[in-house]
Structures are given as structure tokens and as C-alpha cells.
Protein backbone atom coordinates (compact mmCIF):
# COMPACT_ATOMS: atom_id res chain seq x y z
CA MET A 1 99.75 115.48 103.54
CA GLU A 2 100.09 118.84 105.25
CA THR A 3 98.16 122.02 104.46
CA LEU A 4 99.79 125.39 103.84
CA ASN A 5 97.71 128.55 103.64
CA ILE A 6 99.23 131.54 101.88
CA ALA A 7 98.01 135.05 101.19
CA ILE A 8 98.67 136.31 97.65
CA PRO A 9 97.24 139.11 95.53
CA GLU A 10 94.25 138.25 93.35
CA SER A 11 96.37 138.65 90.21
CA LEU A 12 98.79 135.93 91.39
CA LYS A 13 95.91 133.66 92.33
CA VAL A 14 94.40 134.01 88.86
CA PHE A 15 97.79 133.42 87.25
CA ALA A 16 98.41 130.30 89.36
CA LEU A 17 94.97 128.91 88.50
CA GLU A 18 95.53 129.55 84.79
CA GLN A 19 98.99 127.98 84.84
CA ALA A 20 97.74 124.94 86.73
CA PHE A 21 94.95 124.45 84.19
CA LYS A 22 97.27 124.94 81.18
CA ALA A 23 99.81 122.48 82.57
CA GLY A 24 97.15 119.84 83.23
CA PHE A 25 97.33 119.80 87.02
CA GLY A 26 94.22 118.67 88.88
CA ASP A 27 94.31 121.73 91.10
CA VAL A 28 96.48 124.68 92.03
CA SER A 29 97.96 122.77 94.99
CA GLN A 30 99.54 120.26 92.62
CA TYR A 31 100.94 123.12 90.55
CA ILE A 32 102.40 124.88 93.59
CA GLY A 33 103.83 121.58 94.82
CA GLU A 34 105.58 121.07 91.49
CA LEU A 35 107.00 124.61 91.63
CA ILE A 36 108.44 123.85 95.06
CA ARG A 37 109.89 120.51 93.87
CA ALA A 38 111.48 122.31 90.92
CA ASP A 39 113.01 124.80 93.34
CA GLN A 40 114.34 121.90 95.46
CA ARG A 41 115.94 120.35 92.35
CA GLN A 42 117.49 123.69 91.43
CA ALA A 43 118.91 124.09 94.96
CA ALA A 44 120.34 120.55 94.85
CA GLU A 45 121.92 121.26 91.46
CA ALA A 46 123.48 124.44 92.85
CA VAL A 47 125.01 122.47 95.74
CA LEU A 48 126.33 119.85 93.30
CA GLU A 49 127.77 122.54 91.03
CA ALA A 50 129.49 124.19 94.00
CA GLU A 51 131.01 120.84 95.00
CA ILE A 52 132.23 120.23 91.45
CA ILE A 53 133.81 123.68 91.33
CA LYS A 54 135.38 123.06 94.73
CA GLY A 55 136.84 119.81 93.41
CA LEU A 56 138.14 121.47 90.26
CA ARG A 57 139.86 124.15 92.35
CA SER A 58 141.32 121.67 94.86
CA GLY A 59 144.51 121.15 92.92
CA GLU A 60 145.93 118.79 90.40
CA SER A 61 144.16 115.48 90.15
CA THR A 62 145.76 112.07 90.38
CA PRO A 63 144.62 108.87 88.66
CA MET A 64 142.25 106.62 90.62
CA MET A 65 144.00 103.43 91.68
CA ASP A 66 142.30 100.09 92.39
CA GLU A 67 142.49 100.75 96.14
CA ASP A 68 140.79 104.14 95.64
CA TRP A 69 137.90 102.45 93.82
CA ARG A 70 137.59 99.74 96.51
CA GLU A 71 137.46 102.40 99.23
CA LEU A 72 134.86 104.41 97.29
CA HIS A 73 132.66 101.33 96.74
CA ALA A 74 132.94 100.43 100.44
CA ARG A 75 131.85 103.95 101.44
CA ILE A 76 128.88 103.76 99.09
CA LYS A 77 127.81 100.39 100.49
CA ARG A 78 127.98 101.75 104.05
CA ALA A 79 125.93 104.85 103.23
CA PRO A 80 122.15 104.52 103.72
CA LEU A 81 119.91 104.94 100.72
CA SER A 82 118.08 108.16 101.37
CA ARG A 83 115.84 110.77 99.83
CA PRO A 84 114.21 113.88 101.22
CA SER A 85 110.69 113.39 102.46
CA GLY A 86 107.99 116.00 102.20
CA ASP A 87 108.68 117.22 105.74
CA GLY A 88 112.40 117.88 105.19
CA LYS A 89 113.49 114.73 107.04
CA VAL A 90 115.43 111.95 105.35
CA ASP A 91 113.44 108.85 104.42
CA THR A 92 115.75 105.83 104.12
CA CYS A 93 113.19 103.21 103.08
CA GLN A 94 113.63 103.59 99.32
CA PRO A 95 116.32 104.78 96.93
CA PRO A 96 115.80 108.18 95.32
CA ARG A 97 113.26 108.31 92.51
CA SER A 98 111.88 111.02 90.29
CA THR A 99 108.49 111.31 91.98
CA TYR A 100 108.08 111.21 95.72
CA ARG A 101 105.74 108.61 97.17
CA LYS A 102 105.17 108.33 100.88
CA ASP A 103 103.91 104.72 100.71
CA CYS A 104 107.24 102.97 101.07
């Protein structure tokens, strides 16, 4: 696990400590980590939403045929299972899961 030192005003430090305590985190680092993970999820959702909008604006859709489904399944099977690791690199040892564990 890496260390990150930040400088914040006393009022933010007090607020972070209070929020961490209220939410049941063991320490403020866990609270800050969860805030960052929530921001990552929000960013991923924004990318997904943009892709959905792009698809909706791409023109009239056509029905998926059996060959389309076979091609899609083949692409999925070829793609590595991946998830972001804590250092921004892709970790392909486990499928995505709701809580990140580095012990794969």
C-alpha cells in the first residue's frame, strides 16, 4: 500500500475525521480511500453513459442475428478479465469485484 500526504485546512481535517468516525471507518485513510473509489465509480459511469449516448445517436438499430451474437461471444472470450489495480495499472488475475483485493 502506498502513502499519500496531503495538506488541508484544519476545518477539512476535522470534518474528515468526523465523517470517518460516523461512517464506521477504522481511520481517515479508509474514509479517503472510499471517497476516491466512489469518484472512480462515478467516472466509469460517466464513460459508460457517454458510450450509451453515442450508441443511441449512431443511427437506426438493426436486430441482432445469430452470427452477431456468436461474434460478440467470441470477442468476449478473447478479451482478458481485468480490473483496475490501486496503482492505475490493469490487473488481469481476477475478474472485477466490488472490493479490491491485491492478494490474487
